[in-house]
Amino acid sequence: MGFNLHADNSNDPPEVRNWRVHLIALVVSMGAIAMGYDTSVIGGTMALEPFRRDFGMERVSDLETDTLEGNIVSTFQAGCFFGSLLTFPLAERFGRKMAIVLAISIFCVGGSLMTAASGHLGMIYAGRAIAGFGIGSVSLQVPVYIAETSPPSIRGRLVGIFEICSQGGRCCRVVCCSWGSSGVRRPPRWYAKQDRWEEAERSLIWIRKLPADHPMIQDEMQQIREQIQMGAPAAGTKHDFWNYVHRLGQKGTRNRIGIGLLLMAFQNLTGVNIITYYSPRIFETLGITGTDTKLFATGFYGVAKTLGMIIFSVWLVEKVGRRSGLIWGAFIGSLPMWYIGGYVFRADPEGAAARGDTARNAWSYLAMVCVYLYGLIYCATWQGITWVICSEVFPIDIRMLCVALTTANQWLWSFIISRTTPYMITSLGYGTYFFFAALMVCMGFWAWWFVPETKGEVAGGDGGVVRGSARGQGCGMGSEGRGRSCKGGD
């Protein structure tokens, strides 16, 4: 057997884990670079003296500063919410590839407005909202595209490339626009939904690098036919609004949507965004003074998160699995939060810095290490796993709609957290860290009880991940875990 980096419970032939499918995932994930850049850069930008001067943040009270910071950050999340919720019909009608290219183009318009804002609040709000709309669409389209083109044994790894690009978001954001038309094929399942079966087969052959008569090609095409047949509306009906409502409410779909919505909500309730969006201010509460020093410390936080995503994508997601990663990520990831809260409570580093006491000891340096450790653990588990699960568990005929709902929910909670965080830091202080640490412990128990394992399973079968629900213990999602992981579901 030896050591490998793919799921052991999959029967994929080695040929399908080829350079082509990795390159496709990398190219379509280029849009995530813009996503990562814009979500991370704003915290450091708001700490810069020219920015604070141009937008009047030096002349207002602390409460007004909190409000202004919250507005600037959360306008982006509001745009992401609507972009992820409203653009799924474009992908259904014109295909995933064209929808991704359009989303990146919209982001570029928003980025241009932000660049030209120069002290005009209205322009920066508009720019962040438009950019957010484009990024929300990217966050919907890309994981679904990758999941639909990936072989089961490395699907988690390939979706993880999307998150790696998100964390490496300081690279050029327009590459996807130039590569999108030449390096990417439409997924075979989209062709199948359009009743274009010959093109679906050609696309699958090209992606898998296998001949048409290979057993895997024949088996996967048969699975796609079965999925399309199962999701097809009854005779005399069509996929209209009420048909979608009926499909969303069906047994076997309801619990998937519920798990997906909670996963995306909990991803934000880990507290990661209080550091991502307001990292200079967080480091200030740890006694780090000086704009350059805070930005330098923030940069290392980004490095830790990127390293965490690499660990997730290359090794953890296919070897440890989705469910176990969520459980251990929640319990172990809460430990740095507990320490940071305890340190702020005990040492009051922000107050000491305000009094001119900038001396640091081993405990203060450990608090900084805990910030980086938390970012690494979070990105190695909850950051990527939630996107992987939500991109692979839904029925093929309504997958894009379901992922639109879960992705919009992710941005909704991101908006809520980013909007309230400045007030929490000001009002609760150390209690902010204790609050999120306690939530992470609760999430670990929830994942242990409700989330099934989907590692190495075929996406889309029987309305979900595998054909038949026997392995899912009644939840119909396929579970290598215990039956308890599906209790409470349909």
Protein backbone atom coordinates (compact mmCIF):
# COMPACT_ATOMS: atom_id res chain seq x y z
CA MET A 1 0.00 0.00 0.00
CA GLY A 2 2.48 2.63 1.13
CA PHE A 3 1.77 6.27 1.86
CA ASN A 4 -0.56 8.25 -0.36
CA LEU A 5 -2.43 11.55 -0.33
CA HIS A 6 -5.84 10.46 -1.57
CA ALA A 7 -8.89 8.87 0.02
CA ASP A 8 -8.33 5.16 0.68
CA ASN A 9 -11.99 4.20 0.35
CA SER A 10 -12.24 5.18 -3.32
CA ASN A 11 -11.75 2.88 -6.31
CA ASP A 12 -10.59 5.62 -8.67
CA PRO A 13 -7.87 4.50 -11.11
CA PRO A 14 -4.62 6.44 -10.75
CA GLU A 15 -5.03 7.99 -14.20
CA VAL A 16 -7.84 10.28 -13.04
CA ARG A 17 -5.59 11.97 -10.48
CA ASN A 18 -3.75 13.67 -13.31
CA TRP A 19 -2.18 17.09 -13.87
CA ARG A 20 -5.13 18.22 -15.99
CA VAL A 21 -7.73 18.03 -13.23
CA HIS A 22 -5.33 19.82 -10.85
CA LEU A 23 -4.68 22.56 -13.41
CA ILE A 24 -8.43 23.07 -13.95
CA ALA A 25 -8.96 23.48 -10.20
CA LEU A 26 -6.08 25.95 -10.01
CA VAL A 27 -7.27 28.06 -12.94
CA VAL A 28 -10.89 28.42 -11.79
CA SER A 29 -9.65 29.12 -8.25
CA MET A 30 -7.81 32.23 -9.41
CA GLY A 31 -10.98 34.17 -8.62
CA ALA A 32 -10.48 33.23 -4.97
CA ILE A 33 -7.28 35.27 -4.99
CA ALA A 34 -9.40 38.40 -5.29
CA MET A 35 -11.66 37.06 -2.57
CA GLY A 36 -8.77 36.50 -0.18
CA TYR A 37 -7.13 39.81 -1.02
CA ASP A 38 -10.22 41.92 -0.42
CA THR A 39 -11.34 40.18 2.76
CA SER A 40 -7.89 40.41 4.37
CA VAL A 41 -6.49 43.72 3.14
CA ILE A 42 -9.18 45.96 4.61
CA GLY A 43 -8.10 45.40 8.21
CA GLY A 44 -4.57 46.60 7.54
CA THR A 45 -5.83 49.41 5.30
CA MET A 46 -8.00 50.86 8.05
CA ALA A 47 -4.98 50.95 10.35
CA LEU A 48 -3.00 53.19 7.99
CA GLU A 49 -2.73 56.84 8.97
CA PRO A 50 -3.48 58.24 5.46
CA PHE A 51 -6.66 56.16 5.26
CA ARG A 52 -7.82 57.22 8.71
CA ARG A 53 -7.08 60.83 7.87
CA ASP A 54 -8.80 60.82 4.47
CA PHE A 55 -11.97 59.22 5.83
CA GLY A 56 -12.15 61.33 8.98
CA MET A 57 -11.51 58.52 11.45
CA GLU A 58 -9.05 60.62 13.49
CA ARG A 59 -11.61 63.32 14.27
CA VAL A 60 -14.46 61.22 15.66
CA SER A 61 -15.22 59.39 18.89
CA ASP A 62 -14.43 55.74 19.53
CA LEU A 63 -18.09 54.81 19.02
CA GLU A 64 -18.21 56.61 15.69
CA THR A 65 -14.95 54.95 14.66
CA ASP A 66 -16.40 51.52 15.51
CA THR A 67 -19.46 52.33 13.40
CA LEU A 68 -17.41 53.56 10.46
CA GLU A 69 -15.09 50.55 10.53
CA GLY A 70 -18.04 48.19 10.79
CA ASN A 71 -19.78 49.86 7.84
CA ILE A 72 -16.71 49.74 5.59
CA VAL A 73 -16.01 46.09 6.34
CA SER A 74 -19.58 44.79 6.34
CA THR A 75 -20.66 46.48 3.08
CA PHE A 76 -18.45 43.95 1.31
CA GLN A 77 -20.18 41.04 3.08
CA ALA A 78 -23.59 42.46 2.14
CA GLY A 79 -22.54 42.46 -1.52
CA CYS A 80 -21.23 38.90 -1.18
CA PHE A 81 -24.57 37.79 0.26
CA PHE A 82 -26.54 39.02 -2.72
CA GLY A 83 -23.91 37.91 -5.23
CA SER A 84 -23.96 34.33 -3.96
CA LEU A 85 -27.75 34.19 -3.65
CA LEU A 86 -28.83 35.82 -6.93
CA THR A 87 -26.35 34.58 -9.54
CA PHE A 88 -26.99 30.84 -9.50
CA PRO A 89 -29.45 31.12 -12.45
CA LEU A 90 -26.57 32.43 -14.60
CA ALA A 91 -24.54 29.28 -13.97
CA GLU A 92 -27.54 27.10 -14.72
CA ARG A 93 -28.30 28.91 -17.97
CA PHE A 94 -24.86 29.77 -19.38
CA GLY A 95 -22.60 27.34 -17.54
CA ARG A 96 -20.17 27.58 -14.62
CA LYS A 97 -17.25 28.86 -16.71
CA MET A 98 -18.96 31.96 -18.10
CA ALA A 99 -20.50 32.74 -14.71
CA ILE A 100 -17.03 32.71 -13.11
CA VAL A 101 -15.58 35.02 -15.76
CA LEU A 102 -18.52 37.44 -15.32
CA ALA A 103 -18.11 37.41 -11.53
CA ILE A 104 -14.43 38.35 -11.74
CA SER A 105 -15.26 41.15 -14.17
CA ILE A 106 -17.81 42.57 -11.70
CA PHE A 107 -15.20 42.43 -8.96
CA CYS A 108 -12.77 44.42 -11.10
CA VAL A 109 -15.36 47.20 -11.44
CA GLY A 110 -15.79 47.33 -7.67
CA GLY A 111 -12.04 47.28 -7.12
CA SER A 112 -11.63 50.24 -9.46
CA LEU A 113 -14.22 52.23 -7.50
CA MET A 114 -12.46 51.49 -4.21
CA THR A 115 -9.14 52.57 -5.67
CA ALA A 116 -10.61 55.88 -6.82
CA ALA A 117 -12.52 56.58 -3.58
CA SER A 118 -9.85 58.89 -2.09
CA GLY A 119 -11.80 59.94 0.99
CA HIS A 120 -15.30 59.66 -0.50
CA LEU A 121 -17.26 57.32 1.74
CA GLY A 122 -20.05 56.84 -0.77
CA MET A 123 -17.62 55.64 -3.41
CA ILE A 124 -15.83 53.19 -1.14
CA TYR A 125 -19.18 51.80 0.05
CA ALA A 126 -20.31 51.34 -3.57
CA GLY A 127 -16.99 49.80 -4.56
CA ARG A 128 -17.00 47.33 -1.70
CA ALA A 129 -20.64 46.37 -2.37
CA ILE A 130 -20.00 45.76 -6.09
CA ALA A 131 -16.75 43.91 -5.43
CA GLY A 132 -18.54 41.85 -2.82
CA PHE A 133 -21.25 40.95 -5.35
CA GLY A 134 -18.61 39.56 -7.69
CA ILE A 135 -16.79 37.69 -4.94
CA GLY A 136 -20.04 36.24 -3.61
CA SER A 137 -20.69 34.83 -7.05
CA VAL A 138 -17.15 33.41 -7.22
CA SER A 139 -17.55 31.73 -3.83
CA LEU A 140 -20.70 30.05 -5.16
CA GLN A 141 -19.54 28.97 -8.62
CA VAL A 142 -15.98 27.77 -8.07
CA PRO A 143 -16.43 25.09 -5.35
CA VAL A 144 -19.37 23.61 -7.28
CA TYR A 145 -17.40 23.56 -10.53
CA ILE A 146 -14.44 21.84 -8.89
CA ALA A 147 -16.66 19.29 -7.10
CA GLU A 148 -18.41 18.44 -10.38
CA THR A 149 -15.17 17.82 -12.26
CA SER A 150 -13.16 16.08 -9.52
CA PRO A 151 -12.73 12.33 -8.98
CA PRO A 152 -13.98 11.29 -5.51
CA SER A 153 -10.54 10.29 -4.20
CA ILE A 154 -9.12 13.84 -4.39
CA ARG A 155 -12.24 16.01 -4.45
CA GLY A 156 -11.47 17.53 -1.06
CA ARG A 157 -7.91 18.33 -2.10
CA LEU A 158 -9.03 20.07 -5.29
CA VAL A 159 -11.70 22.13 -3.54
CA GLY A 160 -8.96 22.99 -1.06
CA ILE A 161 -7.03 24.68 -3.88
CA PHE A 162 -9.83 27.26 -3.93
CA GLU A 163 -9.16 28.04 -0.27
CA ILE A 164 -5.38 28.09 -0.74
CA CYS A 165 -5.83 30.69 -3.47
CA SER A 166 -8.15 32.62 -1.17
CA GLN A 167 -5.47 32.74 1.51
CA GLY A 168 -2.82 33.67 -1.06
CA GLY A 169 -4.98 36.56 -2.20
CA ARG A 170 -2.29 39.16 -2.68
CA CYS A 171 -1.52 37.80 -6.15
CA CYS A 172 -2.93 39.24 -9.38
CA ARG A 173 -6.72 39.04 -9.40
CA VAL A 174 -7.38 39.31 -13.14
CA VAL A 175 -5.62 36.13 -14.28
CA CYS A 176 -8.90 34.21 -14.30
CA CYS A 177 -10.34 36.57 -16.91
CA SER A 178 -7.59 35.74 -19.41
CA TRP A 179 -7.33 32.03 -18.66
CA GLY A 180 -11.01 31.30 -18.14
CA SER A 181 -11.89 30.74 -21.79
CA SER A 182 -8.88 28.62 -22.77
CA GLY A 183 -7.90 26.48 -19.76
CA VAL A 184 -11.29 25.39 -18.46
CA ARG A 185 -13.97 23.02 -19.77
CA ARG A 186 -17.63 23.04 -18.79
CA PRO A 187 -18.29 20.18 -16.32
CA PRO A 188 -19.92 17.07 -17.81
CA ARG A 189 -22.85 17.28 -15.42
CA TRP A 190 -23.81 20.70 -16.79
CA TYR A 191 -23.82 19.33 -20.35
CA ALA A 192 -25.94 16.41 -19.14
CA LYS A 193 -28.50 18.76 -17.61
CA GLN A 194 -28.77 20.45 -21.01
CA ASP A 195 -29.34 17.01 -22.63
CA ARG A 196 -26.03 17.31 -24.49
CA TRP A 197 -24.77 13.82 -23.72
CA GLU A 198 -22.05 13.52 -26.37
CA GLU A 199 -20.42 16.73 -25.13
CA ALA A 200 -20.80 15.52 -21.54
CA GLU A 201 -18.92 12.34 -22.39
CA ARG A 202 -16.19 14.19 -24.31
CA SER A 203 -15.72 16.58 -21.37
CA LEU A 204 -15.44 13.69 -18.91
CA ILE A 205 -12.94 11.85 -21.14
CA TRP A 206 -10.81 15.00 -21.42
CA ILE A 207 -10.81 15.69 -17.69
CA ARG A 208 -10.19 12.10 -16.58
CA LYS A 209 -7.63 11.38 -19.35
CA LEU A 210 -9.23 7.96 -19.89
CA PRO A 211 -10.56 6.34 -23.09
CA ALA A 212 -14.30 6.29 -23.77
CA ASP A 213 -14.55 2.54 -23.14
CA HIS A 214 -12.83 2.69 -19.74
CA PRO A 215 -15.05 1.21 -16.98
CA MET A 216 -14.82 4.37 -14.88
CA ILE A 217 -16.04 6.57 -17.75
CA GLN A 218 -18.92 4.21 -18.42
CA ASP A 219 -19.79 3.95 -14.73
CA GLU A 220 -19.62 7.70 -14.11
CA MET A 221 -21.75 8.46 -17.17
CA GLN A 222 -24.31 5.95 -15.93
CA GLN A 223 -24.31 7.62 -12.50
CA ILE A 224 -24.86 11.01 -14.14
CA ARG A 225 -27.80 9.58 -16.12
CA GLU A 226 -29.33 8.18 -12.95
CA GLN A 227 -28.84 11.47 -11.12
CA ILE A 228 -30.45 13.46 -13.93
CA GLN A 229 -33.32 10.99 -14.12
CA MET A 230 -33.96 11.13 -10.38
CA GLY A 231 -33.98 14.91 -10.33
CA ALA A 232 -36.11 15.30 -13.46
CA PRO A 233 -39.55 16.84 -12.85
CA ALA A 234 -42.60 14.67 -13.32
CA ALA A 235 -44.21 14.48 -16.76
CA GLY A 236 -45.99 17.69 -17.66
CA THR A 237 -44.04 19.81 -15.17
CA LYS A 238 -40.84 21.80 -15.39
CA HIS A 239 -38.19 23.29 -13.14
CA ASP A 240 -40.16 26.35 -12.07
CA PHE A 241 -40.20 28.11 -8.70
CA TRP A 242 -42.64 25.71 -7.05
CA ASN A 243 -40.77 22.67 -8.30
CA TYR A 244 -37.62 24.02 -6.68
CA VAL A 245 -39.54 24.63 -3.45
CA HIS A 246 -40.86 21.06 -3.56
CA ARG A 247 -37.38 19.62 -4.15
CA LEU A 248 -35.87 21.66 -1.32
CA GLY A 249 -38.51 20.37 1.09
CA GLN A 250 -38.14 16.71 0.21
CA LYS A 251 -36.91 14.18 2.72
CA GLY A 252 -33.20 13.60 2.19
CA THR A 253 -32.66 17.18 1.01
CA ARG A 254 -33.98 19.03 4.04
CA ASN A 255 -31.34 17.68 6.40
CA ARG A 256 -28.53 18.35 3.93
CA ILE A 257 -29.57 21.97 3.63
CA GLY A 258 -29.88 22.24 7.40
CA ILE A 259 -26.38 20.83 7.93
CA GLY A 260 -24.99 23.07 5.18
CA LEU A 261 -26.57 26.22 6.63
CA LEU A 262 -25.30 25.42 10.12
CA LEU A 263 -21.81 24.60 8.83
CA MET A 264 -21.53 27.98 7.14
CA ALA A 265 -22.91 29.80 10.18
CA PHE A 266 -20.56 27.97 12.55
CA GLN A 267 -17.60 28.66 10.26
CA ASN A 268 -18.05 32.35 11.08
CA LEU A 269 -18.91 31.74 14.72
CA THR A 270 -15.47 30.26 15.28
CA GLY A 271 -14.44 33.89 15.61
CA VAL A 272 -11.95 33.81 12.75
CA ASN A 273 -13.23 37.04 11.24
CA ILE A 274 -12.53 39.07 14.38
CA ILE A 275 -8.85 38.49 13.59
CA THR A 276 -9.07 38.45 9.78
CA TYR A 277 -10.89 41.79 9.50
CA TYR A 278 -9.57 43.53 12.61
CA SER A 279 -6.17 41.93 13.14
CA PRO A 280 -4.29 45.21 13.76
CA ARG A 281 -6.79 46.05 16.45
CA ILE A 282 -6.56 42.55 17.92
CA PHE A 283 -2.78 42.81 18.13
CA GLU A 284 -3.26 46.20 19.77
CA THR A 285 -5.22 44.48 22.55
CA LEU A 286 -2.19 42.22 23.00
CA GLY A 287 -0.01 45.25 23.64
CA ILE A 288 1.58 45.60 20.19
CA THR A 289 1.98 49.26 19.31
CA GLY A 290 3.01 51.10 16.15
CA THR A 291 1.24 50.78 12.80
CA ASP A 292 4.14 49.06 11.05
CA THR A 293 4.56 46.53 13.85
CA LYS A 294 0.84 45.69 13.87
CA LEU A 295 0.80 45.24 10.10
CA PHE A 296 3.91 43.07 10.27
CA ALA A 297 2.27 40.86 12.90
CA THR A 298 -0.86 40.71 10.75
CA GLY A 299 1.20 39.54 7.78
CA PHE A 300 2.46 36.55 9.74
CA TYR A 301 -1.15 35.70 10.61
CA GLY A 302 -1.85 35.45 6.87
CA VAL A 303 1.15 33.16 6.45
CA ALA A 304 -0.14 30.89 9.24
CA LYS A 305 -3.56 30.68 7.59
CA THR A 306 -2.06 29.86 4.19
CA LEU A 307 0.06 27.12 5.77
CA GLY A 308 -3.06 25.73 7.42
CA MET A 309 -4.86 25.59 4.08
CA ILE A 310 -1.93 23.76 2.48
CA ILE A 311 -1.98 21.18 5.29
CA PHE A 312 -5.74 20.81 4.77
CA SER A 313 -5.62 20.43 1.01
CA VAL A 314 -2.53 18.25 0.65
CA TRP A 315 -3.05 15.86 3.52
CA LEU A 316 -5.78 16.31 6.10
CA VAL A 317 -9.02 16.45 4.08
CA GLU A 318 -8.52 13.11 2.29
CA LYS A 319 -6.68 11.23 5.04
CA VAL A 320 -8.35 12.42 8.26
CA GLY A 321 -11.70 13.16 6.64
CA ARG A 322 -14.35 15.85 6.87
CA ARG A 323 -16.15 14.86 10.06
CA SER A 324 -13.05 14.13 12.15
CA GLY A 325 -11.42 17.33 10.93
CA LEU A 326 -14.39 19.39 12.11
CA ILE A 327 -14.47 17.70 15.52
CA TRP A 328 -10.77 17.99 16.28
CA GLY A 329 -10.53 21.43 14.69
CA ALA A 330 -13.23 22.75 17.01
CA PHE A 331 -11.86 21.28 20.24
CA ILE A 332 -8.17 21.93 19.60
CA GLY A 333 -8.82 25.28 17.90
CA SER A 334 -10.65 26.59 20.97
CA LEU A 335 -7.53 26.22 23.14
CA PRO A 336 -5.65 29.23 21.67
CA MET A 337 -8.81 31.33 22.06
CA TRP A 338 -9.12 30.35 25.72
CA TYR A 339 -5.49 31.34 26.32
CA ILE A 340 -5.77 34.69 24.51
CA GLY A 341 -8.87 35.57 26.53
CA GLY A 342 -7.18 34.58 29.76
CA TYR A 343 -4.06 36.56 28.93
CA VAL A 344 -6.01 39.73 28.08
CA PHE A 345 -8.04 39.32 31.28
CA ARG A 346 -4.99 38.82 33.46
CA ALA A 347 -2.44 41.20 31.94
CA ASP A 348 -4.58 43.96 30.35
CA PRO A 349 -1.88 44.56 27.69
CA GLU A 350 -3.85 47.28 25.92
CA GLY A 351 -4.16 49.29 29.12
CA ALA A 352 -0.48 48.74 29.90
CA ALA A 353 0.49 50.00 26.44
CA ALA A 354 -1.70 53.07 26.90
CA ARG A 355 0.22 53.80 30.13
CA GLY A 356 3.51 53.56 28.25
CA ASP A 357 4.47 50.12 29.55
CA THR A 358 5.53 48.27 26.40
CA ALA A 359 7.64 45.59 28.07
CA ARG A 360 6.76 42.06 26.99
CA ASN A 361 7.35 38.72 28.65
CA ALA A 362 7.07 35.07 27.64
CA TRP A 363 3.31 35.04 28.30
CA SER A 364 2.71 37.92 25.89
CA TYR A 365 4.74 36.26 23.16
CA LEU A 366 2.79 33.04 23.75
CA ALA A 367 -0.42 35.01 23.21
CA MET A 368 0.87 36.12 19.81
CA VAL A 369 1.82 32.54 18.97
CA CYS A 370 -1.71 31.47 19.91
CA VAL A 371 -3.14 33.91 17.34
CA TYR A 372 -1.04 32.27 14.62
CA LEU A 373 -1.76 28.79 15.94
CA TYR A 374 -5.47 29.50 15.90
CA GLY A 375 -5.33 30.69 12.28
CA LEU A 376 -3.41 27.57 11.23
CA ILE A 377 -5.81 25.16 12.99
CA TYR A 378 -8.91 26.94 11.70
CA CYS A 379 -7.72 26.92 8.07
CA ALA A 380 -6.63 23.29 8.31
CA THR A 381 -10.14 22.29 9.40
CA TRP A 382 -13.24 24.51 9.45
CA GLN A 383 -12.21 26.95 6.72
CA GLY A 384 -11.97 24.38 3.95
CA ILE A 385 -14.08 21.46 5.14
CA THR A 386 -17.30 23.47 5.19
CA TRP A 387 -16.88 24.45 1.53
CA VAL A 388 -16.03 20.88 0.53
CA ILE A 389 -19.08 19.37 2.23
CA CYS A 390 -21.46 21.98 0.86
CA SER A 391 -20.14 21.51 -2.68
CA GLU A 392 -20.54 17.72 -2.72
CA VAL A 393 -23.66 16.63 -0.81
CA PHE A 394 -26.56 18.16 -2.74
CA PRO A 395 -28.67 16.61 -5.54
CA ILE A 396 -27.37 17.43 -9.00
CA ASP A 397 -30.57 19.04 -10.30
CA ILE A 398 -30.74 21.59 -7.48
CA ARG A 399 -27.10 21.62 -6.41
CA MET A 400 -26.41 25.17 -7.55
CA LEU A 401 -29.51 26.47 -5.75
CA CYS A 402 -28.60 24.63 -2.54
CA VAL A 403 -25.01 25.87 -2.64
CA ALA A 404 -26.34 29.38 -3.34
CA LEU A 405 -28.37 29.19 -0.13
CA THR A 406 -25.49 27.89 1.99
CA THR A 407 -22.99 30.34 0.49
CA ALA A 408 -25.33 33.29 0.99
CA ASN A 409 -25.77 32.13 4.56
CA GLN A 410 -22.00 32.14 4.99
CA TRP A 411 -21.78 35.74 3.85
CA LEU A 412 -24.78 36.71 5.98
CA TRP A 413 -23.05 35.50 9.11
CA SER A 414 -19.80 37.05 7.96
CA PHE A 415 -21.69 40.34 7.70
CA ILE A 416 -23.15 39.93 11.19
CA ILE A 417 -19.79 39.10 12.78
CA SER A 418 -17.88 41.83 10.95
CA ARG A 419 -20.57 44.38 11.84
CA THR A 420 -20.63 43.57 15.55
CA THR A 421 -16.96 42.78 16.21
CA PRO A 422 -15.76 46.37 16.81
CA TYR A 423 -18.39 46.83 19.51
CA MET A 424 -17.59 43.43 21.04
CA ILE A 425 -13.89 44.22 21.29
CA THR A 426 -14.63 47.61 22.86
CA SER A 427 -17.36 46.42 25.24
CA LEU A 428 -16.43 42.83 26.13
CA GLY A 429 -12.64 42.88 25.82
CA TYR A 430 -11.33 39.49 26.93
CA GLY A 431 -14.91 38.18 26.98
CA THR A 432 -14.93 38.27 23.16
CA TYR A 433 -12.34 35.50 23.04
CA PHE A 434 -14.08 33.43 25.72
CA PHE A 435 -17.36 33.77 23.83
CA PHE A 436 -15.99 32.35 20.58
CA ALA A 437 -13.95 29.67 22.36
CA ALA A 438 -17.11 28.40 24.07
CA LEU A 439 -18.94 28.39 20.76
CA MET A 440 -16.18 26.28 19.19
CA VAL A 441 -16.54 23.64 21.90
CA CYS A 442 -20.28 23.47 21.19
CA MET A 443 -19.56 23.15 17.46
CA GLY A 444 -17.28 20.19 18.10
CA PHE A 445 -20.07 18.29 19.86
CA TRP A 446 -22.51 19.24 17.10
CA ALA A 447 -20.16 17.95 14.38
CA TRP A 448 -19.60 14.72 16.33
CA TRP A 449 -23.34 14.14 16.58
CA PHE A 450 -24.75 15.39 13.27
CA VAL A 451 -22.14 15.57 10.48
CA PRO A 452 -21.59 12.39 8.42
CA GLU A 453 -18.36 11.47 6.68
CA THR A 454 -18.33 12.08 2.89
CA LYS A 455 -14.66 11.38 2.16
CA GLY A 456 -14.12 9.45 -1.07
CA GLU A 457 -17.82 9.14 -1.93
CA VAL A 458 -19.38 9.86 -5.33
CA ALA A 459 -20.94 13.32 -5.29
CA GLY A 460 -24.57 13.58 -6.26
CA GLY A 461 -25.74 9.98 -6.06
CA ASP A 462 -29.33 9.36 -4.91
CA GLY A 463 -29.76 13.03 -4.33
CA GLY A 464 -26.62 13.28 -2.28
CA VAL A 465 -23.22 11.73 -1.93
CA VAL A 466 -23.83 8.01 -2.36
CA ARG A 467 -26.49 5.83 -3.87
CA GLY A 468 -28.69 4.49 -1.13
CA SER A 469 -28.88 5.66 2.45
CA ALA A 470 -27.90 2.50 4.29
CA ARG A 471 -24.43 3.80 5.06
CA GLY A 472 -25.83 7.12 6.13
CA GLN A 473 -27.88 5.55 8.93
CA GLY A 474 -31.05 7.23 7.72
CA CYS A 475 -29.66 10.61 6.72
CA GLY A 476 -28.97 9.58 3.12
CA MET A 477 -25.62 11.34 2.92
CA GLY A 478 -23.25 8.44 3.28
CA SER A 479 -21.37 8.10 6.53
CA GLU A 480 -18.37 6.16 7.60
CA GLY A 481 -18.99 7.56 11.04
CA ARG A 482 -21.45 6.36 13.60
CA GLY A 483 -25.19 6.32 13.25
CA ARG A 484 -25.38 9.12 15.79
CA SER A 485 -23.92 11.48 13.18
CA CYS A 486 -27.29 11.49 11.40
CA LYS A 487 -29.70 11.50 14.34
CA GLY A 488 -32.09 14.34 14.26
CA GLY A 489 -32.10 14.36 10.47
CA ASP A 490 -34.74 13.07 8.08
